[in-house]
Amino acid sequence: MQIIAGKWKSVIIYHLMAGTQRFNDLQKQMPDCSRRMLALQLHELQVDGVIQKKVYPVIPVKTEYSLTDFGQTLRPVITAMETWGNLYNQRATHQAAVD
């Protein structure tokens, strides 16, 4: 559980489930996450073997992030979290309408 315990790690994994992403693409999808925090969370996920970072030798530098095979094993966990979140939001919306 520690591997995805960071505030943004599950969100990063969720976005990478759709495919390879560049840093700026992830940043745009997570505007409330600072660049520094995103970089830190990406680094931790990389160290834990959940994601891989590919740097292309071009100028300007092109960097892409993707899930490793180990990271792909988290897909059912992240999908279950998404399903639970959707149900929670529906319940909260219904509760607000009742109140």
C-alpha atoms as a PDB file:
ATOM      1  CA  MET A   1       0.000   0.000   0.000  1.00  0.00           C
ATOM      2  CA  GLN A   2       2.950   2.317   0.672  1.00  0.00           C
ATOM      3  CA  ILE A   3       3.759   2.348  -3.044  1.00  0.00           C
ATOM      4  CA  ILE A   4       0.584   4.282  -3.903  1.00  0.00           C
ATOM      5  CA  ALA A   5       0.250   6.112  -0.574  1.00  0.00           C
ATOM      6  CA  GLY A   6       1.315   9.528  -1.903  1.00  0.00           C
ATOM      7  CA  LYS A   7      -1.455  12.059  -2.433  1.00  0.00           C
ATOM      8  CA  TRP A   8      -1.020  12.126  -6.218  1.00  0.00           C
ATOM      9  CA  LYS A   9       0.369   8.660  -6.956  1.00  0.00           C
ATOM     10  CA  SER A  10      -2.951   6.953  -7.645  1.00  0.00           C
ATOM     11  CA  VAL A  11      -3.977   9.880  -9.872  1.00  0.00           C
ATOM     12  CA  ILE A  12      -0.712   9.619 -11.822  1.00  0.00           C
ATOM     13  CA  ILE A  13      -1.179   5.868 -12.253  1.00  0.00           C
ATOM     14  CA  TYR A  14      -4.787   6.447 -13.357  1.00  0.00           C
ATOM     15  CA  HIS A  15      -3.661   8.827 -16.109  1.00  0.00           C
ATOM     16  CA  LEU A  16      -0.830   6.527 -17.192  1.00  0.00           C
ATOM     17  CA  MET A  17      -3.320   3.662 -17.534  1.00  0.00           C
ATOM     18  CA  ALA A  18      -4.501   5.489 -20.675  1.00  0.00           C
ATOM     19  CA  GLY A  19      -0.996   5.261 -22.130  1.00  0.00           C
ATOM     20  CA  THR A  20       2.363   6.970 -22.227  1.00  0.00           C
ATOM     21  CA  GLN A  21       2.334  10.612 -21.127  1.00  0.00           C
ATOM     22  CA  ARG A  22       4.770  13.490 -21.058  1.00  0.00           C
ATOM     23  CA  PHE A  23       5.356  15.554 -17.916  1.00  0.00           C
ATOM     24  CA  ASN A  24       3.422  18.574 -19.196  1.00  0.00           C
ATOM     25  CA  ASP A  25       0.482  16.382 -20.227  1.00  0.00           C
ATOM     26  CA  LEU A  26       0.272  14.990 -16.704  1.00  0.00           C
ATOM     27  CA  GLN A  27       0.609  18.495 -15.258  1.00  0.00           C
ATOM     28  CA  LYS A  28      -2.319  19.738 -17.363  1.00  0.00           C
ATOM     29  CA  GLN A  29      -4.493  16.866 -16.148  1.00  0.00           C
ATOM     30  CA  MET A  30      -3.578  17.603 -12.520  1.00  0.00           C
ATOM     31  CA  PRO A  31      -3.580  21.415 -12.223  1.00  0.00           C
ATOM     32  CA  ASP A  32      -3.774  21.341  -8.410  1.00  0.00           C
ATOM     33  CA  CYS A  33      -0.500  19.408  -8.192  1.00  0.00           C
ATOM     34  CA  SER A  34       2.609  21.597  -8.255  1.00  0.00           C
ATOM     35  CA  ARG A  35       5.378  20.839 -10.741  1.00  0.00           C
ATOM     36  CA  ARG A  36       7.733  20.041  -7.859  1.00  0.00           C
ATOM     37  CA  MET A  37       5.267  17.624  -6.251  1.00  0.00           C
ATOM     38  CA  LEU A  38       4.532  15.943  -9.582  1.00  0.00           C
ATOM     39  CA  ALA A  39       8.257  15.474 -10.213  1.00  0.00           C
ATOM     40  CA  LEU A  40       8.730  14.039  -6.711  1.00  0.00           C
ATOM     41  CA  GLN A  41       5.796  11.630  -7.016  1.00  0.00           C
ATOM     42  CA  LEU A  42       6.957  10.502 -10.479  1.00  0.00           C
ATOM     43  CA  HIS A  43      10.454   9.895  -9.114  1.00  0.00           C
ATOM     44  CA  GLU A  44       9.117   7.827  -6.195  1.00  0.00           C
ATOM     45  CA  LEU A  45       6.935   5.754  -8.523  1.00  0.00           C
ATOM     46  CA  GLN A  46       9.948   5.192 -10.757  1.00  0.00           C
ATOM     47  CA  VAL A  47      12.142   4.111  -7.821  1.00  0.00           C
ATOM     48  CA  ASP A  48       9.398   1.690  -6.728  1.00  0.00           C
ATOM     49  CA  GLY A  49       9.287   0.186 -10.233  1.00  0.00           C
ATOM     50  CA  VAL A  50       5.710   1.268 -10.952  1.00  0.00           C
ATOM     51  CA  ILE A  51       6.547   3.574 -13.853  1.00  0.00           C
ATOM     52  CA  GLN A  52       9.382   3.949 -16.297  1.00  0.00           C
ATOM     53  CA  LYS A  53      10.870   7.155 -17.583  1.00  0.00           C
ATOM     54  CA  LYS A  54      12.200   7.377 -21.119  1.00  0.00           C
ATOM     55  CA  VAL A  55      14.387  10.345 -22.033  1.00  0.00           C
ATOM     56  CA  TYR A  56      14.953  11.032 -25.723  1.00  0.00           C
ATOM     57  CA  PRO A  57      18.281  12.589 -26.744  1.00  0.00           C
ATOM     58  CA  VAL A  58      16.780  15.617 -28.484  1.00  0.00           C
ATOM     59  CA  ILE A  59      16.775  19.326 -27.769  1.00  0.00           C
ATOM     60  CA  PRO A  60      14.619  20.304 -26.041  1.00  0.00           C
ATOM     61  CA  VAL A  61      14.651  17.131 -23.979  1.00  0.00           C
ATOM     62  CA  LYS A  62      11.630  14.897 -24.492  1.00  0.00           C
ATOM     63  CA  THR A  63      10.663  12.730 -21.524  1.00  0.00           C
ATOM     64  CA  GLU A  64       7.855  10.194 -21.436  1.00  0.00           C
ATOM     65  CA  TYR A  65       6.394   8.206 -18.562  1.00  0.00           C
ATOM     66  CA  SER A  66       4.577   4.896 -18.779  1.00  0.00           C
ATOM     67  CA  LEU A  67       3.530   2.054 -16.512  1.00  0.00           C
ATOM     68  CA  THR A  68       5.885  -0.882 -16.125  1.00  0.00           C
ATOM     69  CA  ASP A  69       4.580  -4.448 -16.138  1.00  0.00           C
ATOM     70  CA  PHE A  70       4.536  -4.205 -12.334  1.00  0.00           C
ATOM     71  CA  GLY A  71       2.631  -0.920 -12.585  1.00  0.00           C
ATOM     72  CA  GLN A  72       0.063  -2.590 -14.840  1.00  0.00           C
ATOM     73  CA  THR A  73      -0.739  -4.973 -11.969  1.00  0.00           C
ATOM     74  CA  LEU A  74      -2.198  -1.949 -10.133  1.00  0.00           C
ATOM     75  CA  ARG A  75      -4.822  -1.448 -12.853  1.00  0.00           C
ATOM     76  CA  PRO A  76      -7.574  -3.412 -11.009  1.00  0.00           C
ATOM     77  CA  VAL A  77      -6.816  -1.529  -7.785  1.00  0.00           C
ATOM     78  CA  ILE A  78      -7.035   1.892  -9.448  1.00  0.00           C
ATOM     79  CA  THR A  79     -10.170   0.862 -11.370  1.00  0.00           C
ATOM     80  CA  ALA A  80     -11.801  -0.279  -8.113  1.00  0.00           C
ATOM     81  CA  MET A  81     -10.893   3.061  -6.514  1.00  0.00           C
ATOM     82  CA  GLU A  82     -12.454   4.880  -9.486  1.00  0.00           C
ATOM     83  CA  THR A  83     -15.645   2.816  -9.196  1.00  0.00           C
ATOM     84  CA  TRP A  84     -15.852   3.491  -5.458  1.00  0.00           C
ATOM     85  CA  GLY A  85     -15.249   7.219  -6.046  1.00  0.00           C
ATOM     86  CA  ASN A  86     -18.050   7.374  -8.602  1.00  0.00           C
ATOM     87  CA  LEU A  87     -20.447   5.629  -6.215  1.00  0.00           C
ATOM     88  CA  TYR A  88     -19.412   7.959  -3.396  1.00  0.00           C
ATOM     89  CA  ASN A  89     -20.016  11.015  -5.593  1.00  0.00           C
ATOM     90  CA  GLN A  90     -23.465   9.721  -6.586  1.00  0.00           C
ATOM     91  CA  ARG A  91     -24.312   9.113  -2.946  1.00  0.00           C
ATOM     92  CA  ALA A  92     -23.039  12.546  -1.906  1.00  0.00           C
ATOM     93  CA  THR A  93     -25.013  14.211  -4.717  1.00  0.00           C
ATOM     94  CA  HIS A  94     -28.153  12.319  -3.725  1.00  0.00           C
ATOM     95  CA  GLN A  95     -27.637  13.176  -0.045  1.00  0.00           C
ATOM     96  CA  ALA A  96     -27.189  16.875  -0.881  1.00  0.00           C
ATOM     97  CA  ALA A  97     -30.442  16.827  -2.875  1.00  0.00           C
ATOM     98  CA  VAL A  98     -32.292  15.252   0.057  1.00  0.00           C
ATOM     99  CA  ASP A  99     -30.933  17.793   2.543  1.00  0.00           C
END
